[in-house]
Amino acid sequence: MFRRTFWFTAGAAAGVWATTKVNRKLKQLTPESLAAQAANKAIEAGHRLKDFALDVRDGMAEREAELDEALGLDRHPELPAPRRIAAIENSPKHSKNPTYVERSTYSYNRNEDH
């Protein structure tokens, strides 16, 4: 009698366990769950890629500093004065020449030349 009760209970427990496992797997295979898993994997991959890019950037900066030190290069050379302001001040538009007309007033049609 105890044998039958034991095996009946063991079978019922195995059935409940198997049913629970199957239901969990089926829930994991629903479209919503698959989409959520894919999104999580993409976010995780993005974080890993970002970490890799930061490591590469740090390594590049470190190696560049080593090369600069080995070659005796100055990291912050003196930059020349900005030339753009002088070029704008000397342009025909800013001069007192009244014959200057901006280019944007001319319409150019390449078909008019023929």
C-alpha atoms as a PDB file:
ATOM      1  CA  MET A   1       0.000   0.000   0.000  1.00  0.00           C
ATOM      2  CA  PHE A   2       2.810   2.396   0.882  1.00  0.00           C
ATOM      3  CA  ARG A   3       4.574   1.514  -2.344  1.00  0.00           C
ATOM      4  CA  ARG A   4       1.601   2.481  -4.428  1.00  0.00           C
ATOM      5  CA  THR A   5       1.164   5.747  -2.502  1.00  0.00           C
ATOM      6  CA  PHE A   6       4.858   6.543  -2.881  1.00  0.00           C
ATOM      7  CA  TRP A   7       4.870   5.970  -6.664  1.00  0.00           C
ATOM      8  CA  PHE A   8       1.590   7.795  -7.110  1.00  0.00           C
ATOM      9  CA  THR A   9       3.004  10.821  -5.240  1.00  0.00           C
ATOM     10  CA  ALA A  10       6.312  10.627  -7.134  1.00  0.00           C
ATOM     11  CA  GLY A  11       4.461  10.490 -10.472  1.00  0.00           C
ATOM     12  CA  ALA A  12       2.198  13.398  -9.546  1.00  0.00           C
ATOM     13  CA  ALA A  13       5.222  15.480  -8.471  1.00  0.00           C
ATOM     14  CA  ALA A  14       7.064  14.629 -11.696  1.00  0.00           C
ATOM     15  CA  GLY A  15       3.993  15.613 -13.705  1.00  0.00           C
ATOM     16  CA  VAL A  16       3.662  18.949 -11.923  1.00  0.00           C
ATOM     17  CA  TRP A  17       7.378  19.618 -12.374  1.00  0.00           C
ATOM     18  CA  ALA A  18       7.280  18.757 -16.096  1.00  0.00           C
ATOM     19  CA  THR A  19       4.145  20.837 -16.666  1.00  0.00           C
ATOM     20  CA  THR A  20       5.740  23.831 -14.948  1.00  0.00           C
ATOM     21  CA  LYS A  21       8.900  23.494 -17.062  1.00  0.00           C
ATOM     22  CA  VAL A  22       6.926  23.234 -20.302  1.00  0.00           C
ATOM     23  CA  ASN A  23       4.773  26.256 -19.427  1.00  0.00           C
ATOM     24  CA  ARG A  24       7.885  28.361 -18.672  1.00  0.00           C
ATOM     25  CA  LYS A  25       9.435  27.404 -22.009  1.00  0.00           C
ATOM     26  CA  LEU A  26       6.207  28.216 -23.859  1.00  0.00           C
ATOM     27  CA  LYS A  27       6.069  31.648 -22.201  1.00  0.00           C
ATOM     28  CA  GLN A  28       9.650  32.280 -23.279  1.00  0.00           C
ATOM     29  CA  LEU A  29       8.704  31.544 -26.880  1.00  0.00           C
ATOM     30  CA  THR A  30       5.842  34.044 -27.146  1.00  0.00           C
ATOM     31  CA  PRO A  31       6.453  36.947 -29.566  1.00  0.00           C
ATOM     32  CA  GLU A  32       6.437  39.510 -26.747  1.00  0.00           C
ATOM     33  CA  SER A  33       8.983  37.563 -24.748  1.00  0.00           C
ATOM     34  CA  LEU A  34      11.200  37.018 -27.800  1.00  0.00           C
ATOM     35  CA  ALA A  35      11.056  40.740 -28.603  1.00  0.00           C
ATOM     36  CA  ALA A  36      11.994  41.638 -25.033  1.00  0.00           C
ATOM     37  CA  GLN A  37      14.871  39.157 -25.081  1.00  0.00           C
ATOM     38  CA  ALA A  38      16.135  40.557 -28.387  1.00  0.00           C
ATOM     39  CA  ALA A  39      15.948  44.107 -27.035  1.00  0.00           C
ATOM     40  CA  ASN A  40      17.856  43.118 -23.912  1.00  0.00           C
ATOM     41  CA  LYS A  41      20.527  41.382 -25.982  1.00  0.00           C
ATOM     42  CA  ALA A  42      20.846  44.431 -28.256  1.00  0.00           C
ATOM     43  CA  ILE A  43      21.237  46.757 -25.279  1.00  0.00           C
ATOM     44  CA  GLU A  44      23.813  44.439 -23.748  1.00  0.00           C
ATOM     45  CA  ALA A  45      25.734  44.272 -27.031  1.00  0.00           C
ATOM     46  CA  GLY A  46      25.605  48.064 -27.302  1.00  0.00           C
ATOM     47  CA  HIS A  47      27.098  48.433 -23.833  1.00  0.00           C
ATOM     48  CA  ARG A  48      29.850  45.967 -24.671  1.00  0.00           C
ATOM     49  CA  LEU A  49      30.581  47.795 -27.934  1.00  0.00           C
ATOM     50  CA  LYS A  50      30.702  51.141 -26.138  1.00  0.00           C
ATOM     51  CA  ASP A  51      33.097  49.738 -23.532  1.00  0.00           C
ATOM     52  CA  PHE A  52      35.280  48.338 -26.308  1.00  0.00           C
ATOM     53  CA  ALA A  53      35.331  51.690 -28.127  1.00  0.00           C
ATOM     54  CA  LEU A  54      36.293  53.497 -24.917  1.00  0.00           C
ATOM     55  CA  ASP A  55      39.087  50.988 -24.288  1.00  0.00           C
ATOM     56  CA  VAL A  56      40.378  51.457 -27.839  1.00  0.00           C
ATOM     57  CA  ARG A  57      40.265  55.249 -27.477  1.00  0.00           C
ATOM     58  CA  ASP A  58      42.167  55.085 -24.178  1.00  0.00           C
ATOM     59  CA  GLY A  59      44.735  52.754 -25.715  1.00  0.00           C
ATOM     60  CA  MET A  60      45.166  55.040 -28.714  1.00  0.00           C
ATOM     61  CA  ALA A  61      45.690  58.091 -26.506  1.00  0.00           C
ATOM     62  CA  GLU A  62      48.167  56.188 -24.345  1.00  0.00           C
ATOM     63  CA  ARG A  63      50.112  54.948 -27.371  1.00  0.00           C
ATOM     64  CA  GLU A  64      50.104  58.413 -28.943  1.00  0.00           C
ATOM     65  CA  ALA A  65      51.529  59.863 -25.717  1.00  0.00           C
ATOM     66  CA  GLU A  66      54.226  57.174 -25.709  1.00  0.00           C
ATOM     67  CA  LEU A  67      55.149  57.942 -29.318  1.00  0.00           C
ATOM     68  CA  ASP A  68      55.163  61.689 -28.715  1.00  0.00           C
ATOM     69  CA  GLU A  69      57.453  61.200 -25.731  1.00  0.00           C
ATOM     70  CA  ALA A  70      59.743  58.864 -27.663  1.00  0.00           C
ATOM     71  CA  LEU A  71      59.958  61.263 -30.622  1.00  0.00           C
ATOM     72  CA  GLY A  72      60.262  64.360 -28.446  1.00  0.00           C
ATOM     73  CA  LEU A  73      57.227  66.031 -29.950  1.00  0.00           C
ATOM     74  CA  ASP A  74      55.487  68.885 -28.182  1.00  0.00           C
ATOM     75  CA  ARG A  75      51.855  67.971 -27.469  1.00  0.00           C
ATOM     76  CA  HIS A  76      50.608  71.567 -27.524  1.00  0.00           C
ATOM     77  CA  PRO A  77      52.378  73.514 -30.259  1.00  0.00           C
ATOM     78  CA  GLU A  78      51.782  77.240 -30.578  1.00  0.00           C
ATOM     79  CA  LEU A  79      48.939  77.758 -33.032  1.00  0.00           C
ATOM     80  CA  PRO A  80      49.073  80.592 -35.558  1.00  0.00           C
ATOM     81  CA  ALA A  81      46.733  83.526 -35.206  1.00  0.00           C
ATOM     82  CA  PRO A  82      43.323  83.072 -36.806  1.00  0.00           C
ATOM     83  CA  ARG A  83      43.382  84.207 -40.427  1.00  0.00           C
ATOM     84  CA  ARG A  84      39.685  84.092 -41.142  1.00  0.00           C
ATOM     85  CA  ILE A  85      38.909  87.476 -39.576  1.00  0.00           C
ATOM     86  CA  ALA A  86      41.563  89.251 -41.622  1.00  0.00           C
ATOM     87  CA  ALA A  87      40.315  87.606 -44.800  1.00  0.00           C
ATOM     88  CA  ILE A  88      36.741  88.720 -44.135  1.00  0.00           C
ATOM     89  CA  GLU A  89      37.752  92.303 -43.370  1.00  0.00           C
ATOM     90  CA  ASN A  90      39.691  92.541 -46.640  1.00  0.00           C
ATOM     91  CA  SER A  91      36.959  91.037 -48.783  1.00  0.00           C
ATOM     92  CA  PRO A  92      35.272  93.208 -51.482  1.00  0.00           C
ATOM     93  CA  LYS A  93      31.988  93.076 -49.615  1.00  0.00           C
ATOM     94  CA  HIS A  94      33.473  94.920 -46.649  1.00  0.00           C
ATOM     95  CA  SER A  95      35.429  97.403 -48.731  1.00  0.00           C
ATOM     96  CA  LYS A  96      34.025 100.744 -49.781  1.00  0.00           C
ATOM     97  CA  ASN A  97      33.781  99.662 -53.425  1.00  0.00           C
ATOM     98  CA  PRO A  98      30.205 100.385 -54.627  1.00  0.00           C
ATOM     99  CA  THR A  99      30.578  98.225 -57.753  1.00  0.00           C
ATOM    100  CA  TYR A 100      30.704  95.009 -55.736  1.00  0.00           C
ATOM    101  CA  VAL A 101      27.560  92.870 -56.059  1.00  0.00           C
ATOM    102  CA  GLU A 102      27.091  89.667 -54.129  1.00  0.00           C
ATOM    103  CA  ARG A 103      27.195  86.453 -56.163  1.00  0.00           C
ATOM    104  CA  SER A 104      23.939  85.248 -54.721  1.00  0.00           C
ATOM    105  CA  THR A 105      22.053  87.881 -56.753  1.00  0.00           C
ATOM    106  CA  TYR A 106      23.169  86.283 -60.004  1.00  0.00           C
ATOM    107  CA  SER A 107      21.259  83.280 -61.180  1.00  0.00           C
ATOM    108  CA  TYR A 108      23.371  80.834 -63.095  1.00  0.00           C
ATOM    109  CA  ASN A 109      21.776  78.394 -65.458  1.00  0.00           C
ATOM    110  CA  ARG A 110      24.245  76.172 -67.215  1.00  0.00           C
ATOM    111  CA  ASN A 111      21.828  75.752 -70.111  1.00  0.00           C
ATOM    112  CA  GLU A 112      21.981  79.469 -70.977  1.00  0.00           C
ATOM    113  CA  ASP A 113      25.531  79.105 -72.293  1.00  0.00           C
ATOM    114  CA  HIS A 114      24.420  77.014 -75.293  1.00  0.00           C
END
